[in-house]
């Protein structure tokens, strides 16, 4: 039983890493399996399709990388505008690291995949939409708090975010 969960975890890590490096359409099940060091049958044991694996990999990327970064940088212990600045500095640093590793700018996987798959993969688009709403919430909350602290008249903070 332990081996199965390890294989699934390795598939999700490989899938999320490759999704950050490539587009959805350039990603193959074979390369995910090769990177995860599992047979193709293992992928289909855990996921009925490439789309289902990508959906799970995106959710894993959100819960293990993106959401912890948002929680850390958007902590209420930080001043509201510093939250945004700190997060963007972290994102820039992550992009520089990826650039050094891959020789190109990779972008933010949720945005790049959202643009690529907006109408062609409904299951993935739904997950990306939920993540985008969560990401917007962090910015909206920080902007609205900064406006309150600086006694600036409220505007549409969601649109600003």
C-alpha atoms as a PDB file:
ATOM      1  CA  UNK A   1       0.000   0.000   0.000  1.00  0.00           C
ATOM      2  CA  UNK A   2       2.865   2.424   0.796  1.00  0.00           C
ATOM      3  CA  UNK A   3       4.373   1.979  -2.654  1.00  0.00           C
ATOM      4  CA  UNK A   4       1.142   3.021  -4.365  1.00  0.00           C
ATOM      5  CA  UNK A   5       0.927   6.300  -2.488  1.00  0.00           C
ATOM      6  CA  UNK A   6       4.595   6.972  -3.250  1.00  0.00           C
ATOM      7  CA  UNK A   7       4.014   6.337  -6.957  1.00  0.00           C
ATOM      8  CA  UNK A   8       1.009   8.676  -6.957  1.00  0.00           C
ATOM      9  CA  UNK A   9       2.984  11.343  -5.123  1.00  0.00           C
ATOM     10  CA  UNK A  10       5.892  11.008  -7.561  1.00  0.00           C
ATOM     11  CA  UNK A  11       3.484  11.327 -10.502  1.00  0.00           C
ATOM     12  CA  UNK A  12       1.992  14.503  -9.040  1.00  0.00           C
ATOM     13  CA  UNK A  13       5.411  16.026  -8.359  1.00  0.00           C
ATOM     14  CA  UNK A  14       6.615  15.144 -11.857  1.00  0.00           C
ATOM     15  CA  UNK A  15       3.382  16.421 -13.384  1.00  0.00           C
ATOM     16  CA  UNK A  16       3.481  19.743 -11.572  1.00  0.00           C
ATOM     17  CA  UNK A  17       7.177  20.262 -12.362  1.00  0.00           C
ATOM     18  CA  UNK A  18       6.668  19.497 -16.033  1.00  0.00           C
ATOM     19  CA  UNK A  19       3.546  21.679 -16.187  1.00  0.00           C
ATOM     20  CA  UNK A  20       5.601  24.600 -14.953  1.00  0.00           C
ATOM     21  CA  UNK A  21       8.239  23.908 -17.595  1.00  0.00           C
ATOM     22  CA  UNK A  22       5.981  23.118 -20.556  1.00  0.00           C
ATOM     23  CA  UNK A  23       2.552  23.708 -21.925  1.00  0.00           C
ATOM     24  CA  UNK A  24      -0.242  21.201 -21.343  1.00  0.00           C
ATOM     25  CA  UNK A  25      -0.241  20.132 -24.969  1.00  0.00           C
ATOM     26  CA  UNK A  26       3.546  19.647 -25.042  1.00  0.00           C
ATOM     27  CA  UNK A  27       3.427  17.501 -21.898  1.00  0.00           C
ATOM     28  CA  UNK A  28       3.260  13.763 -22.543  1.00  0.00           C
ATOM     29  CA  UNK A  29       2.157  11.005 -20.214  1.00  0.00           C
ATOM     30  CA  UNK A  30       5.361   9.155 -21.110  1.00  0.00           C
ATOM     31  CA  UNK A  31       7.607  11.956 -19.848  1.00  0.00           C
ATOM     32  CA  UNK A  32       5.597  12.324 -16.628  1.00  0.00           C
ATOM     33  CA  UNK A  33       5.983   8.586 -16.040  1.00  0.00           C
ATOM     34  CA  UNK A  34       9.696   8.697 -16.893  1.00  0.00           C
ATOM     35  CA  UNK A  35      10.354  11.581 -14.500  1.00  0.00           C
ATOM     36  CA  UNK A  36       8.282   9.886 -11.777  1.00  0.00           C
ATOM     37  CA  UNK A  37      10.019   6.577 -12.487  1.00  0.00           C
ATOM     38  CA  UNK A  38       6.752   4.663 -12.831  1.00  0.00           C
ATOM     39  CA  UNK A  39       5.147   2.685 -15.634  1.00  0.00           C
ATOM     40  CA  UNK A  40       2.389   4.201 -17.708  1.00  0.00           C
ATOM     41  CA  UNK A  41      -0.086   1.747 -16.192  1.00  0.00           C
ATOM     42  CA  UNK A  42       0.563   3.278 -12.776  1.00  0.00           C
ATOM     43  CA  UNK A  43      -0.495   6.699 -14.005  1.00  0.00           C
ATOM     44  CA  UNK A  44      -3.760   5.259 -15.353  1.00  0.00           C
ATOM     45  CA  UNK A  45      -4.233   3.286 -12.139  1.00  0.00           C
ATOM     46  CA  UNK A  46      -4.404   6.559 -10.208  1.00  0.00           C
ATOM     47  CA  UNK A  47      -5.862   8.868 -12.867  1.00  0.00           C
ATOM     48  CA  UNK A  48      -8.364   8.032 -15.608  1.00  0.00           C
ATOM     49  CA  UNK A  49      -6.797  10.528 -18.019  1.00  0.00           C
ATOM     50  CA  UNK A  50      -3.996  13.016 -18.587  1.00  0.00           C
ATOM     51  CA  UNK A  51      -6.469  15.771 -17.765  1.00  0.00           C
ATOM     52  CA  UNK A  52      -7.297  14.174 -14.390  1.00  0.00           C
ATOM     53  CA  UNK A  53      -3.595  13.827 -13.576  1.00  0.00           C
ATOM     54  CA  UNK A  54      -2.967  17.461 -14.517  1.00  0.00           C
ATOM     55  CA  UNK A  55      -5.918  18.576 -12.370  1.00  0.00           C
ATOM     56  CA  UNK A  56      -4.494  16.717  -9.376  1.00  0.00           C
ATOM     57  CA  UNK A  57      -0.969  18.021 -10.087  1.00  0.00           C
ATOM     58  CA  UNK A  58      -2.258  21.609 -10.191  1.00  0.00           C
ATOM     59  CA  UNK A  59      -4.075  21.136  -6.909  1.00  0.00           C
ATOM     60  CA  UNK A  60      -0.897  19.701  -5.398  1.00  0.00           C
ATOM     61  CA  UNK A  61       1.143  22.628  -6.730  1.00  0.00           C
ATOM     62  CA  UNK A  62      -1.371  25.009  -5.149  1.00  0.00           C
ATOM     63  CA  UNK A  63      -1.359  23.318  -1.745  1.00  0.00           C
ATOM     64  CA  UNK A  64       2.392  22.658  -1.508  1.00  0.00           C
ATOM     65  CA  UNK A  65       3.984  25.667  -3.251  1.00  0.00           C
ATOM     66  CA  UNK A  66       1.636  28.533  -4.065  1.00  0.00           C
ATOM     67  CA  UNK A  67      -0.698  28.591  -1.079  1.00  0.00           C
ATOM     68  CA  UNK A  68       2.121  28.400   1.501  1.00  0.00           C
ATOM     69  CA  UNK A  69       3.844  31.291  -0.312  1.00  0.00           C
ATOM     70  CA  UNK A  70       0.630  33.323  -0.211  1.00  0.00           C
ATOM     71  CA  UNK A  71       0.105  32.523   3.481  1.00  0.00           C
ATOM     72  CA  UNK A  72       3.661  33.525   4.315  1.00  0.00           C
ATOM     73  CA  UNK A  73       3.819  36.751   2.323  1.00  0.00           C
ATOM     74  CA  UNK A  74       0.234  37.871   2.888  1.00  0.00           C
ATOM     75  CA  UNK A  75       0.379  37.316   6.638  1.00  0.00           C
ATOM     76  CA  UNK A  76      -1.510  39.962   8.577  1.00  0.00           C
ATOM     77  CA  UNK A  77       1.724  40.510  10.514  1.00  0.00           C
ATOM     78  CA  UNK A  78       3.047  42.295   7.407  1.00  0.00           C
ATOM     79  CA  UNK A  79       1.817  45.754   6.409  1.00  0.00           C
ATOM     80  CA  UNK A  80      -0.771  45.426   3.595  1.00  0.00           C
ATOM     81  CA  UNK A  81       1.276  46.807   0.712  1.00  0.00           C
ATOM     82  CA  UNK A  82       4.407  44.971   1.895  1.00  0.00           C
ATOM     83  CA  UNK A  83       2.424  41.728   1.527  1.00  0.00           C
ATOM     84  CA  UNK A  84       2.067  42.334  -2.171  1.00  0.00           C
ATOM     85  CA  UNK A  85       5.662  43.481  -2.519  1.00  0.00           C
ATOM     86  CA  UNK A  86       7.031  40.455  -0.624  1.00  0.00           C
ATOM     87  CA  UNK A  87       4.961  38.025  -2.670  1.00  0.00           C
ATOM     88  CA  UNK A  88       6.047  39.598  -5.948  1.00  0.00           C
ATOM     89  CA  UNK A  89       9.683  39.501  -4.794  1.00  0.00           C
ATOM     90  CA  UNK A  90       9.286  35.799  -3.991  1.00  0.00           C
ATOM     91  CA  UNK A  91       7.687  35.203  -7.392  1.00  0.00           C
ATOM     92  CA  UNK A  92      10.512  37.087  -9.130  1.00  0.00           C
ATOM     93  CA  UNK A  93      13.085  35.059  -7.217  1.00  0.00           C
ATOM     94  CA  UNK A  94      11.306  31.826  -8.168  1.00  0.00           C
ATOM     95  CA  UNK A  95      11.281  32.886 -11.802  1.00  0.00           C
ATOM     96  CA  UNK A  96      15.005  33.709 -11.722  1.00  0.00           C
ATOM     97  CA  UNK A  97      15.714  30.301 -10.225  1.00  0.00           C
ATOM     98  CA  UNK A  98      13.643  28.615 -12.932  1.00  0.00           C
ATOM     99  CA  UNK A  99      15.370  30.730 -15.586  1.00  0.00           C
ATOM    100  CA  UNK A 100      18.793  29.609 -14.355  1.00  0.00           C
ATOM    101  CA  UNK A 101      17.604  26.015 -14.293  1.00  0.00           C
ATOM    102  CA  UNK A 102      15.858  25.958 -17.694  1.00  0.00           C
ATOM    103  CA  UNK A 103      17.316  28.887 -19.609  1.00  0.00           C
ATOM    104  CA  UNK A 104      13.923  30.529 -20.112  1.00  0.00           C
ATOM    105  CA  UNK A 105      11.207  32.351 -18.218  1.00  0.00           C
ATOM    106  CA  UNK A 106       8.486  29.858 -17.339  1.00  0.00           C
ATOM    107  CA  UNK A 107       5.737  32.130 -16.083  1.00  0.00           C
ATOM    108  CA  UNK A 108       3.245  31.265 -13.354  1.00  0.00           C
ATOM    109  CA  UNK A 109       1.692  27.870 -14.182  1.00  0.00           C
ATOM    110  CA  UNK A 110      -1.835  28.848 -13.190  1.00  0.00           C
ATOM    111  CA  UNK A 111      -1.809  31.813 -15.575  1.00  0.00           C
ATOM    112  CA  UNK A 112      -0.004  30.154 -18.466  1.00  0.00           C
ATOM    113  CA  UNK A 113      -2.189  27.043 -18.331  1.00  0.00           C
ATOM    114  CA  UNK A 114      -5.316  29.145 -17.866  1.00  0.00           C
ATOM    115  CA  UNK A 115      -4.547  30.989 -21.087  1.00  0.00           C
ATOM    116  CA  UNK A 116      -3.791  27.768 -22.904  1.00  0.00           C
ATOM    117  CA  UNK A 117      -6.742  25.702 -21.683  1.00  0.00           C
ATOM    118  CA  UNK A 118      -9.515  28.216 -21.027  1.00  0.00           C
ATOM    119  CA  UNK A 119     -12.023  26.523 -23.318  1.00  0.00           C
ATOM    120  CA  UNK A 120     -10.525  23.156 -24.211  1.00  0.00           C
ATOM    121  CA  UNK A 121     -10.219  21.408 -20.812  1.00  0.00           C
ATOM    122  CA  UNK A 122     -13.245  22.207 -18.599  1.00  0.00           C
ATOM    123  CA  UNK A 123     -12.057  20.156 -15.591  1.00  0.00           C
ATOM    124  CA  UNK A 124      -8.702  21.934 -15.520  1.00  0.00           C
ATOM    125  CA  UNK A 125     -10.289  25.326 -16.263  1.00  0.00           C
ATOM    126  CA  UNK A 126     -12.583  24.917 -13.265  1.00  0.00           C
ATOM    127  CA  UNK A 127      -9.637  24.246 -10.941  1.00  0.00           C
ATOM    128  CA  UNK A 128      -7.684  27.158 -12.407  1.00  0.00           C
ATOM    129  CA  UNK A 129     -10.727  29.410 -11.914  1.00  0.00           C
ATOM    130  CA  UNK A 130     -10.953  28.473  -8.233  1.00  0.00           C
ATOM    131  CA  UNK A 131      -7.237  29.083  -7.771  1.00  0.00           C
ATOM    132  CA  UNK A 132      -7.454  32.441  -9.569  1.00  0.00           C
ATOM    133  CA  UNK A 133     -10.277  33.480  -7.214  1.00  0.00           C
ATOM    134  CA  UNK A 134      -8.137  32.553  -4.200  1.00  0.00           C
ATOM    135  CA  UNK A 135      -5.128  34.416  -5.582  1.00  0.00           C
ATOM    136  CA  UNK A 136      -7.276  37.487  -6.239  1.00  0.00           C
ATOM    137  CA  UNK A 137      -8.636  37.325  -2.686  1.00  0.00           C
ATOM    138  CA  UNK A 138      -5.141  37.718  -1.187  1.00  0.00           C
ATOM    139  CA  UNK A 139      -4.502  40.845  -3.248  1.00  0.00           C
ATOM    140  CA  UNK A 140      -8.002  42.213  -2.683  1.00  0.00           C
ATOM    141  CA  UNK A 141      -7.721  41.832   1.092  1.00  0.00           C
ATOM    142  CA  UNK A 142      -4.313  43.543   1.202  1.00  0.00           C
ATOM    143  CA  UNK A 143      -5.481  46.416  -1.031  1.00  0.00           C
ATOM    144  CA  UNK A 144      -8.666  46.944   0.942  1.00  0.00           C
ATOM    145  CA  UNK A 145      -6.759  46.947   4.243  1.00  0.00           C
ATOM    146  CA  UNK A 146      -4.199  49.425   2.853  1.00  0.00           C
ATOM    147  CA  UNK A 147      -7.021  51.708   1.724  1.00  0.00           C
ATOM    148  CA  UNK A 148      -8.654  51.562   5.155  1.00  0.00           C
ATOM    149  CA  UNK A 149      -5.369  52.255   6.949  1.00  0.00           C
ATOM    150  CA  UNK A 150      -4.611  55.202   4.683  1.00  0.00           C
ATOM    151  CA  UNK A 151      -8.196  56.466   4.817  1.00  0.00           C
ATOM    152  CA  UNK A 152      -8.602  56.242   1.077  1.00  0.00           C
ATOM    153  CA  UNK A 153     -12.151  56.118  -0.178  1.00  0.00           C
ATOM    154  CA  UNK A 154     -13.170  52.567  -1.019  1.00  0.00           C
ATOM    155  CA  UNK A 155     -13.171  51.646  -4.657  1.00  0.00           C
ATOM    156  CA  UNK A 156     -13.665  48.340  -6.396  1.00  0.00           C
ATOM    157  CA  UNK A 157     -10.863  46.457  -4.639  1.00  0.00           C
ATOM    158  CA  UNK A 158     -11.654  43.262  -6.557  1.00  0.00           C
ATOM    159  CA  UNK A 159     -11.104  45.039  -9.863  1.00  0.00           C
ATOM    160  CA  UNK A 160      -7.943  46.638  -8.503  1.00  0.00           C
ATOM    161  CA  UNK A 161      -6.705  43.259  -7.279  1.00  0.00           C
END
